[in-house]
Amino acid sequence: MMNFDCPAFLYALKLSHEMSERSKMDQSKEQIYTTPQSESSNSQIIFQSRLWPYGLVLFVISLVQYALSLTNEFVFDSKATFLMDPSIRSLDFLPSYFTSSTAFTIIESANESNLSYYWPLVKSFHLAEYLTWGANPLFYNATNIILNGIVVVLLFFLIFNICKQRSVAFVSALLYAVNPVRVEVVSWAYSDSYIIVAIFILASFLCYVKERPLLAYGLFACALFSKETAILLPAVILLYHFLILGHRRLKEYYPTLPLFVLAFGYLFVRYLAVGSPPVTDLGLLKIVNAIALILPLSLKILVFPDAPTTLYTLDQKLLTTFPVQVVFGYFLIASLIALGYWLWRNNRIILFWYLWFFVWLSIAFNVGQYGDFLTNEKVLYLPAAGMTTLAAHLLLHLCKPKRLAYAVVGLLVVAHFSITTYRTRFWTDDITYFKSTVAHAPDYYAIHY
């Protein structure tokens, strides 16, 4: 049994309290949310030394809560990826990763039989892992856990360099670190592509914010060749210019041009290698209905996960009719738009992180092109950072007194840490995995393989 009253948590909350006390008491609400000013003395220092103690605490918490995942076996698709794929057994296959699809699956469905994944850097990473670790799942699980800790630390530095408030950055990253919606990605070795691309995305964005453009562009290129999701980063950076920096003149956006050049160049290379990215062929009504179903599910499982293994099968009937779930989704969409407008009028820094969630989640709206399901937990790995940062802002700046804010944060951290730790065990082996899957999605085709 884990002891959740551990010193790491107490130290984490103590750090948050100390950072809040250091904030200037005479700052008005307007001053808190104005565009952050660059630090003239160290504007290009990416990792400020005074922030490392906070980053270290976040990293340790990230390691501890996933420690039980170390003993997980290769489950389901992990076997195909690491044990059955002959192309990761020799360096001779390395050039082929850049000229053909990197997908390898033991399950074939109507959609998965012709997957056109193009993840050459992820496949190269798998090659390096196999040549180093062989077939021992312990090392693959450990690698996932360590890389996830790096994601959390990068997010902390990114948030700080945008909002310039250590308390907000620390609490945001802490809530993100313990959020249970990220368990599948970290505990399932197969899902490491989400972690790898997140590292490159966050590092690229952080370098861009710190005015290190060449490094930012290079890391963005690495993100593109890791997973298609990275194609959305230029949109996020445009929002950064518009909402955070307050840029309104066209020339102020010129630094983003190389990002778009790289994105279009990547699409061209990808087209030559594996063809065009799969794009949903659903009609407008089906797409909107799908979004109306995905958004409530996504927001719900950020706080209250539905099941140990969350797979939402694709029910075509729900996409062509207007049952209660779809009608509720439309109402939620209208409410979310209204909230976005309110944030536009009142708080554009929070609006940026609010939109972060929807921009990165939009990849999930490409329904039906990467499997016979509506959505799953994995797609929320990076978007979740937007909502945890939104929650941190609201708790620390609107919840009075401060002690109440930190009490709520503490309760959320302990609750989500506990749920996360518990859920890591559902990727122990195939039997455990499929038992949890069939309980939630009995019609999912892969269960019967």
Protein backbone atom coordinates (compact mmCIF):
# COMPACT_ATOMS: atom_id res chain seq x y z
CA MET A 1 0.00 0.00 0.00
CA MET A 2 1.35 3.40 -0.99
CA ASN A 3 1.71 6.09 1.69
CA PHE A 4 0.28 9.26 0.20
CA ASP A 5 1.25 11.43 3.14
CA CYS A 6 4.80 11.22 1.91
CA PRO A 7 7.43 13.98 2.35
CA ALA A 8 7.42 14.65 -1.40
CA PHE A 9 3.85 15.90 -1.23
CA LEU A 10 4.45 17.98 1.89
CA TYR A 11 7.54 19.48 0.32
CA ALA A 12 5.66 20.18 -2.90
CA LEU A 13 2.91 22.06 -1.08
CA LYS A 14 5.48 23.91 1.04
CA LEU A 15 7.26 25.06 -2.12
CA SER A 16 3.98 26.29 -3.59
CA HIS A 17 3.22 28.24 -0.41
CA GLU A 18 6.68 29.82 -0.36
CA MET A 19 6.39 30.85 -3.99
CA SER A 20 3.04 32.48 -3.37
CA GLU A 21 4.45 34.47 -0.44
CA ARG A 22 7.18 35.81 -2.68
CA SER A 23 4.64 37.29 -5.10
CA LYS A 24 4.20 41.05 -4.87
CA MET A 25 1.20 41.77 -2.67
CA ASP A 26 0.45 45.06 -4.35
CA GLN A 27 -0.12 43.54 -7.78
CA SER A 28 -3.59 44.19 -9.06
CA LYS A 29 -5.60 41.61 -11.01
CA GLU A 30 -4.88 43.53 -14.19
CA GLN A 31 -1.15 43.53 -13.51
CA ILE A 32 -1.14 39.79 -12.89
CA TYR A 33 -2.56 39.06 -16.31
CA THR A 34 -0.81 41.60 -18.47
CA THR A 35 1.62 40.46 -21.12
CA PRO A 36 4.76 39.16 -19.36
CA GLN A 37 7.88 41.20 -19.85
CA SER A 38 11.03 39.46 -21.03
CA GLU A 39 13.90 39.20 -18.58
CA SER A 40 16.64 41.34 -20.05
CA SER A 41 19.46 39.71 -18.12
CA ASN A 42 18.70 36.10 -19.00
CA SER A 43 16.11 36.22 -21.78
CA GLN A 44 17.85 33.42 -23.68
CA ILE A 45 18.68 31.17 -20.73
CA ILE A 46 16.33 28.24 -21.27
CA PHE A 47 16.57 26.55 -17.86
CA GLN A 48 16.96 29.13 -15.10
CA SER A 49 19.00 27.69 -12.22
CA ARG A 50 16.73 29.08 -9.50
CA LEU A 51 13.87 26.95 -10.85
CA TRP A 52 15.64 23.61 -10.74
CA PRO A 53 14.59 22.69 -7.17
CA TYR A 54 10.94 22.90 -8.27
CA GLY A 55 11.66 20.92 -11.40
CA LEU A 56 13.42 18.26 -9.35
CA VAL A 57 10.42 17.87 -7.02
CA LEU A 58 8.11 17.48 -10.02
CA PHE A 59 10.45 14.95 -11.59
CA VAL A 60 10.64 12.84 -8.42
CA ILE A 61 6.85 12.84 -7.98
CA SER A 62 6.49 11.76 -11.62
CA LEU A 63 8.86 8.85 -11.03
CA VAL A 64 7.34 7.71 -7.76
CA GLN A 65 3.73 7.57 -8.88
CA TYR A 66 4.55 5.33 -11.87
CA ALA A 67 6.99 3.05 -10.03
CA LEU A 68 4.52 0.15 -10.08
CA SER A 69 4.59 0.23 -13.89
CA LEU A 70 8.17 -1.05 -13.88
CA THR A 71 7.01 -4.65 -13.56
CA ASN A 72 4.44 -4.47 -16.36
CA GLU A 73 4.84 -6.96 -19.15
CA PHE A 74 4.59 -6.19 -22.86
CA VAL A 75 0.84 -5.87 -23.34
CA PHE A 76 -1.14 -6.19 -26.59
CA ASP A 77 0.33 -3.85 -29.23
CA SER A 78 3.58 -3.58 -27.26
CA LYS A 79 4.34 -7.15 -28.30
CA ALA A 80 3.95 -6.25 -31.96
CA THR A 81 6.01 -3.09 -31.56
CA PHE A 82 8.93 -4.46 -29.57
CA LEU A 83 8.94 -8.25 -29.95
CA MET A 84 7.44 -9.10 -33.35
CA ASP A 85 8.68 -6.27 -35.55
CA PRO A 86 11.78 -7.54 -37.40
CA SER A 87 12.69 -4.03 -38.58
CA ILE A 88 13.98 -2.97 -35.14
CA ARG A 89 16.46 -5.86 -34.93
CA SER A 90 19.21 -4.33 -37.07
CA LEU A 91 20.65 -0.95 -38.06
CA ASP A 92 20.28 -2.05 -41.68
CA PHE A 93 16.59 -1.15 -41.48
CA LEU A 94 17.19 2.43 -40.29
CA PRO A 95 16.97 4.13 -43.74
CA SER A 96 13.63 2.43 -44.42
CA TYR A 97 12.04 4.23 -41.48
CA PHE A 98 12.18 7.47 -43.51
CA THR A 99 10.89 6.00 -46.77
CA SER A 100 7.95 3.81 -45.71
CA SER A 101 5.23 3.43 -43.10
CA THR A 102 6.47 2.71 -39.60
CA ALA A 103 3.29 0.86 -38.58
CA PHE A 104 3.50 -2.76 -37.51
CA THR A 105 0.38 -4.41 -36.10
CA ILE A 106 -0.80 -7.92 -35.31
CA ILE A 107 -4.44 -6.85 -35.46
CA GLU A 108 -6.22 -5.94 -38.65
CA SER A 109 -9.52 -4.10 -38.82
CA ALA A 110 -11.19 -2.20 -41.59
CA ASN A 111 -9.06 0.81 -40.74
CA GLU A 112 -5.96 -0.58 -39.07
CA SER A 113 -4.95 -2.90 -41.90
CA ASN A 114 -3.58 0.04 -43.88
CA LEU A 115 -2.17 2.34 -41.23
CA SER A 116 0.07 4.98 -42.68
CA TYR A 117 1.92 6.07 -39.56
CA TYR A 118 5.06 8.01 -40.35
CA TRP A 119 7.11 8.16 -37.15
CA PRO A 120 10.72 7.63 -38.29
CA LEU A 121 12.31 9.10 -35.15
CA VAL A 122 10.09 7.07 -32.84
CA LYS A 123 10.94 3.93 -34.82
CA SER A 124 14.63 4.87 -34.60
CA PHE A 125 14.22 5.21 -30.85
CA HIS A 126 12.68 1.73 -30.71
CA LEU A 127 15.63 0.41 -32.68
CA ALA A 128 18.04 1.94 -30.18
CA GLU A 129 16.02 0.53 -27.29
CA TYR A 130 15.93 -2.99 -28.71
CA LEU A 131 19.62 -3.01 -29.51
CA THR A 132 20.32 -1.79 -25.96
CA TRP A 133 17.72 -3.54 -23.80
CA GLY A 134 16.73 -6.51 -25.91
CA ALA A 135 13.33 -7.96 -24.98
CA ASN A 136 13.25 -7.01 -21.29
CA PRO A 137 10.10 -4.91 -20.65
CA LEU A 138 11.55 -3.47 -17.41
CA PHE A 139 13.85 -1.10 -19.30
CA TYR A 140 11.15 0.02 -21.73
CA ASN A 141 8.84 0.82 -18.83
CA ALA A 142 11.62 2.66 -17.01
CA THR A 143 12.36 4.68 -20.14
CA ASN A 144 8.71 5.72 -20.45
CA ILE A 145 8.61 6.81 -16.82
CA ILE A 146 11.80 8.86 -17.09
CA LEU A 147 10.74 10.50 -20.35
CA ASN A 148 7.37 11.38 -18.82
CA GLY A 149 9.19 13.08 -15.95
CA ILE A 150 11.10 15.14 -18.51
CA VAL A 151 7.79 16.20 -20.10
CA VAL A 152 6.53 17.45 -16.73
CA VAL A 153 9.71 19.43 -16.08
CA LEU A 154 9.67 20.98 -19.57
CA LEU A 155 6.04 21.98 -19.06
CA PHE A 156 6.94 23.67 -15.75
CA PHE A 157 9.67 25.75 -17.41
CA LEU A 158 7.40 26.61 -20.33
CA ILE A 159 4.53 27.79 -18.13
CA PHE A 160 6.87 29.87 -15.99
CA ASN A 161 8.43 31.56 -19.01
CA ILE A 162 4.98 32.49 -20.29
CA CYS A 163 3.27 33.63 -17.09
CA LYS A 164 6.40 34.53 -15.00
CA GLN A 165 4.82 33.18 -11.81
CA ARG A 166 6.52 30.26 -10.09
CA SER A 167 3.49 29.35 -8.00
CA VAL A 168 1.24 29.07 -11.06
CA ALA A 169 3.87 27.18 -13.04
CA PHE A 170 4.59 24.75 -10.20
CA VAL A 171 0.96 24.00 -9.35
CA SER A 172 0.06 23.67 -13.05
CA ALA A 173 2.83 21.17 -13.68
CA LEU A 174 2.07 19.33 -10.42
CA LEU A 175 -1.61 18.90 -11.34
CA TYR A 176 -0.53 17.76 -14.78
CA ALA A 177 2.00 15.28 -13.38
CA VAL A 178 -0.57 13.47 -11.23
CA ASN A 179 -3.51 13.63 -13.65
CA PRO A 180 -4.78 10.05 -14.14
CA VAL A 181 -5.77 10.58 -17.78
CA ARG A 182 -2.09 10.23 -18.69
CA VAL A 183 -1.66 6.74 -17.21
CA GLU A 184 -2.20 4.78 -20.41
CA VAL A 185 0.57 6.61 -22.22
CA VAL A 186 3.12 6.19 -19.43
CA SER A 187 2.25 2.68 -18.24
CA TRP A 188 1.86 1.13 -21.68
CA ALA A 189 5.21 0.91 -23.48
CA TYR A 190 3.47 0.95 -26.87
CA SER A 191 2.27 4.54 -26.32
CA ASP A 192 5.72 6.09 -25.99
CA SER A 193 5.23 8.06 -29.23
CA TYR A 194 2.97 10.46 -27.31
CA ILE A 195 5.74 11.12 -24.79
CA ILE A 196 8.50 11.50 -27.36
CA VAL A 197 6.60 13.98 -29.51
CA ALA A 198 5.54 15.92 -26.38
CA ILE A 199 9.20 16.32 -25.38
CA PHE A 200 10.11 17.77 -28.77
CA ILE A 201 7.01 19.99 -28.89
CA LEU A 202 7.52 21.46 -25.42
CA ALA A 203 11.27 21.88 -25.93
CA SER A 204 10.72 23.57 -29.29
CA PHE A 205 8.11 25.93 -27.88
CA LEU A 206 10.27 26.72 -24.85
CA CYS A 207 13.23 27.58 -27.09
CA TYR A 208 10.96 29.76 -29.21
CA VAL A 209 9.74 31.64 -26.13
CA LYS A 210 13.35 32.08 -24.98
CA GLU A 211 14.32 33.55 -28.37
CA ARG A 212 16.44 30.62 -29.51
CA PRO A 213 14.83 30.27 -32.97
CA LEU A 214 17.29 27.91 -34.67
CA LEU A 215 17.07 25.45 -31.82
CA ALA A 216 13.29 25.81 -31.78
CA TYR A 217 13.03 25.07 -35.51
CA GLY A 218 15.33 22.05 -35.22
CA LEU A 219 13.33 20.59 -32.36
CA PHE A 220 10.11 21.21 -34.26
CA ALA A 221 11.50 19.21 -37.17
CA CYS A 222 12.25 16.39 -34.74
CA ALA A 223 8.69 16.59 -33.41
CA LEU A 224 7.27 16.35 -36.93
CA PHE A 225 9.26 13.23 -37.69
CA SER A 226 8.15 11.72 -34.39
CA LYS A 227 4.38 11.95 -34.75
CA GLU A 228 1.86 13.75 -36.96
CA THR A 229 0.41 15.59 -33.95
CA ALA A 230 3.32 18.06 -34.06
CA ILE A 231 1.84 19.70 -37.17
CA LEU A 232 -0.36 21.72 -34.77
CA LEU A 233 2.52 23.51 -33.03
CA PRO A 234 2.62 26.48 -35.45
CA ALA A 235 -1.05 27.16 -34.62
CA VAL A 236 -0.21 27.20 -30.91
CA ILE A 237 2.68 29.58 -31.51
CA LEU A 238 0.42 31.90 -33.49
CA LEU A 239 -1.86 32.01 -30.46
CA TYR A 240 1.18 32.78 -28.31
CA HIS A 241 2.03 35.78 -30.50
CA PHE A 242 -1.54 37.03 -30.55
CA LEU A 243 -2.67 36.40 -26.97
CA ILE A 244 0.51 36.47 -24.88
CA LEU A 245 2.75 38.90 -26.78
CA GLY A 246 -0.13 40.99 -28.07
CA HIS A 247 1.26 41.17 -31.59
CA ARG A 248 -1.02 42.72 -34.18
CA ARG A 249 1.34 43.69 -37.02
CA LEU A 250 2.12 41.17 -39.72
CA LYS A 251 5.90 41.57 -39.50
CA GLU A 252 5.78 40.51 -35.86
CA TYR A 253 4.74 37.05 -37.05
CA TYR A 254 7.68 36.60 -39.44
CA PRO A 255 9.57 34.33 -37.00
CA THR A 256 6.77 31.77 -37.44
CA LEU A 257 7.37 31.42 -41.18
CA PRO A 258 10.13 28.77 -40.84
CA LEU A 259 7.70 26.69 -38.79
CA PHE A 260 5.21 26.64 -41.64
CA VAL A 261 7.96 25.94 -44.17
CA LEU A 262 9.05 22.96 -42.07
CA ALA A 263 5.45 21.78 -41.70
CA PHE A 264 4.76 21.86 -45.43
CA GLY A 265 8.15 20.31 -46.14
CA TYR A 266 7.33 17.51 -43.74
CA LEU A 267 3.96 16.91 -45.41
CA PHE A 268 5.69 16.66 -48.78
CA VAL A 269 8.28 14.18 -47.49
CA ARG A 270 5.55 12.22 -45.78
CA TYR A 271 3.52 12.13 -48.98
CA LEU A 272 6.48 10.73 -50.91
CA ALA A 273 7.08 8.09 -48.24
CA VAL A 274 3.59 6.88 -47.29
CA GLY A 275 1.04 9.11 -49.02
CA SER A 276 -1.28 11.76 -47.65
CA PRO A 277 -2.27 11.71 -43.97
CA PRO A 278 -5.60 9.92 -43.45
CA VAL A 279 -8.39 12.46 -43.21
CA THR A 280 -11.86 11.59 -42.02
CA ASP A 281 -14.41 11.15 -44.78
CA LEU A 282 -17.39 11.76 -42.52
CA GLY A 283 -19.85 14.42 -43.58
CA LEU A 284 -20.18 17.72 -41.76
CA LEU A 285 -23.07 16.55 -39.56
CA LYS A 286 -21.21 13.43 -38.46
CA ILE A 287 -18.06 15.39 -37.68
CA VAL A 288 -19.91 17.96 -35.57
CA ASN A 289 -21.84 15.21 -33.78
CA ALA A 290 -18.57 13.37 -33.14
CA ILE A 291 -17.07 16.53 -31.62
CA ALA A 292 -20.21 16.91 -29.49
CA LEU A 293 -19.58 13.40 -28.15
CA ILE A 294 -15.80 13.67 -27.74
CA LEU A 295 -15.66 16.95 -25.81
CA PRO A 296 -17.84 15.92 -22.84
CA LEU A 297 -16.03 12.60 -22.58
CA SER A 298 -12.63 14.27 -22.70
CA LEU A 299 -13.46 16.85 -20.06
CA LYS A 300 -15.04 14.25 -17.80
CA ILE A 301 -12.16 11.77 -17.82
CA LEU A 302 -9.69 14.56 -17.08
CA VAL A 303 -11.20 14.61 -13.59
CA PHE A 304 -13.06 11.30 -13.26
CA PRO A 305 -11.63 8.51 -15.43
CA ASP A 306 -14.28 6.12 -16.69
CA ALA A 307 -12.36 2.86 -16.59
CA PRO A 308 -8.84 1.48 -16.22
CA THR A 309 -8.64 1.12 -20.00
CA THR A 310 -10.74 3.69 -21.78
CA LEU A 311 -11.83 2.84 -25.31
CA TYR A 312 -14.90 4.49 -26.73
CA THR A 313 -16.18 2.46 -29.66
CA LEU A 314 -17.52 4.24 -32.72
CA ASP A 315 -21.33 4.06 -32.91
CA GLN A 316 -22.35 5.34 -36.32
CA LYS A 317 -25.97 5.78 -35.20
CA LEU A 318 -24.95 8.49 -32.75
CA LEU A 319 -23.32 10.43 -35.58
CA THR A 320 -26.46 10.65 -37.70
CA THR A 321 -29.11 11.27 -35.03
CA PHE A 322 -29.61 13.60 -32.08
CA PRO A 323 -29.81 11.53 -28.90
CA VAL A 324 -29.42 13.08 -25.46
CA GLN A 325 -25.62 12.68 -25.54
CA VAL A 326 -25.31 14.69 -28.75
CA VAL A 327 -27.73 17.41 -27.64
CA PHE A 328 -25.81 17.78 -24.38
CA GLY A 329 -22.61 18.00 -26.40
CA TYR A 330 -24.01 20.88 -28.46
CA PHE A 331 -25.00 22.69 -25.28
CA LEU A 332 -21.51 22.14 -23.88
CA ILE A 333 -19.89 23.46 -27.07
CA ALA A 334 -21.99 26.63 -26.83
CA SER A 335 -21.00 27.02 -23.18
CA LEU A 336 -17.32 26.52 -23.97
CA ILE A 337 -17.48 29.16 -26.70
CA ALA A 338 -19.13 31.56 -24.26
CA LEU A 339 -16.41 30.89 -21.70
CA GLY A 340 -13.76 31.48 -24.34
CA TYR A 341 -15.33 34.83 -25.19
CA TRP A 342 -15.40 35.79 -21.51
CA LEU A 343 -11.71 34.92 -21.18
CA TRP A 344 -10.97 36.96 -24.32
CA ARG A 345 -12.51 39.97 -22.65
CA ASN A 346 -10.93 39.40 -19.24
CA ASN A 347 -7.84 37.22 -19.25
CA ARG A 348 -5.90 36.35 -22.37
CA ILE A 349 -3.13 34.44 -20.66
CA ILE A 350 -5.66 31.99 -19.28
CA LEU A 351 -7.38 32.02 -22.69
CA PHE A 352 -4.13 30.81 -24.26
CA TRP A 353 -3.99 27.73 -22.01
CA TYR A 354 -7.72 27.18 -22.46
CA LEU A 355 -7.24 27.09 -26.24
CA TRP A 356 -4.13 24.90 -25.83
CA PHE A 357 -6.46 22.10 -24.76
CA PHE A 358 -8.71 22.37 -27.81
CA VAL A 359 -5.96 22.83 -30.37
CA TRP A 360 -4.09 19.68 -29.33
CA LEU A 361 -7.34 17.75 -28.83
CA SER A 362 -8.47 18.58 -32.36
CA ILE A 363 -6.38 15.70 -33.69
CA ALA A 364 -9.00 13.42 -32.11
CA PHE A 365 -11.68 14.91 -34.33
CA ASN A 366 -10.23 12.95 -37.25
CA VAL A 367 -12.68 10.20 -36.32
CA GLY A 368 -12.39 6.71 -37.74
CA GLN A 369 -9.09 7.07 -39.53
CA TYR A 370 -6.81 5.45 -36.95
CA GLY A 371 -9.02 2.64 -35.68
CA ASP A 372 -12.62 1.69 -35.03
CA PHE A 373 -13.13 3.91 -32.01
CA LEU A 374 -14.52 7.34 -31.26
CA THR A 375 -11.72 8.46 -28.95
CA ASN A 376 -9.41 7.27 -26.18
CA GLU A 377 -7.37 8.54 -23.27
CA LYS A 378 -4.05 8.75 -25.04
CA VAL A 379 -5.00 11.77 -27.13
CA LEU A 380 -5.35 13.80 -23.92
CA TYR A 381 -1.71 13.38 -22.86
CA LEU A 382 -0.60 16.80 -24.13
CA PRO A 383 -3.96 18.66 -24.16
CA ALA A 384 -4.38 17.99 -20.42
CA ALA A 385 -1.67 20.59 -19.71
CA GLY A 386 -4.03 23.32 -20.85
CA MET A 387 -6.74 22.43 -18.36
CA THR A 388 -4.37 21.88 -15.43
CA THR A 389 -2.84 25.30 -16.07
CA LEU A 390 -6.30 26.83 -16.30
CA ALA A 391 -7.21 25.18 -12.99
CA ALA A 392 -4.01 26.44 -11.33
CA HIS A 393 -4.66 30.02 -12.46
CA LEU A 394 -8.23 29.97 -11.20
CA LEU A 395 -7.40 28.32 -7.88
CA LEU A 396 -4.44 30.55 -7.02
CA HIS A 397 -5.91 33.86 -8.15
CA LEU A 398 -9.62 33.54 -7.48
CA CYS A 399 -9.81 31.23 -4.46
CA LYS A 400 -9.61 33.18 -1.20
CA PRO A 401 -7.99 32.84 1.25
CA LYS A 402 -4.77 31.39 -0.13
CA ARG A 403 -4.81 28.59 2.39
CA LEU A 404 -8.07 27.37 0.93
CA ALA A 405 -6.54 27.37 -2.55
CA TYR A 406 -3.61 25.27 -1.41
CA ALA A 407 -5.90 22.94 0.51
CA VAL A 408 -7.89 22.29 -2.68
CA VAL A 409 -4.67 21.77 -4.63
CA GLY A 410 -3.46 19.33 -1.99
CA LEU A 411 -6.69 17.33 -2.11
CA LEU A 412 -6.59 17.17 -5.90
CA VAL A 413 -2.96 16.08 -5.91
CA VAL A 414 -3.48 13.32 -3.34
CA ALA A 415 -6.68 12.08 -5.03
CA HIS A 416 -5.22 12.02 -8.54
CA PHE A 417 -1.90 10.60 -7.35
CA SER A 418 -3.80 7.74 -5.71
CA ILE A 419 -5.96 7.08 -8.78
CA THR A 420 -2.94 7.24 -11.07
CA THR A 421 -0.96 4.80 -8.94
CA TYR A 422 -3.91 2.41 -8.80
CA ARG A 423 -4.49 2.51 -12.55
CA THR A 424 -0.90 1.70 -13.48
CA ARG A 425 -1.55 -1.93 -12.59
CA PHE A 426 -4.07 -2.45 -15.38
CA TRP A 427 -1.23 -2.81 -17.85
CA THR A 428 0.38 -5.57 -15.81
CA ASP A 429 -0.22 -8.24 -18.46
CA ASP A 430 -2.59 -9.17 -21.29
CA ILE A 431 -5.17 -10.81 -19.03
CA THR A 432 -5.44 -7.79 -16.74
CA TYR A 433 -5.55 -5.45 -19.71
CA PHE A 434 -8.30 -7.29 -21.56
CA LYS A 435 -10.39 -7.81 -18.44
CA SER A 436 -10.46 -4.07 -17.86
CA THR A 437 -11.10 -3.40 -21.54
CA VAL A 438 -14.00 -5.80 -21.92
CA ALA A 439 -15.64 -4.32 -18.83
CA HIS A 440 -15.72 -0.90 -20.47
CA ALA A 441 -15.93 -1.66 -24.20
CA PRO A 442 -17.21 -5.23 -24.73
CA ASP A 443 -17.72 -4.66 -28.46
CA TYR A 444 -14.17 -3.54 -29.17
CA TYR A 445 -12.92 -5.83 -31.95
CA ALA A 446 -9.36 -6.20 -30.60
CA ILE A 447 -10.61 -8.03 -27.51
CA HIS A 448 -11.40 -11.08 -29.67
CA TYR A 449 -8.05 -11.38 -31.41
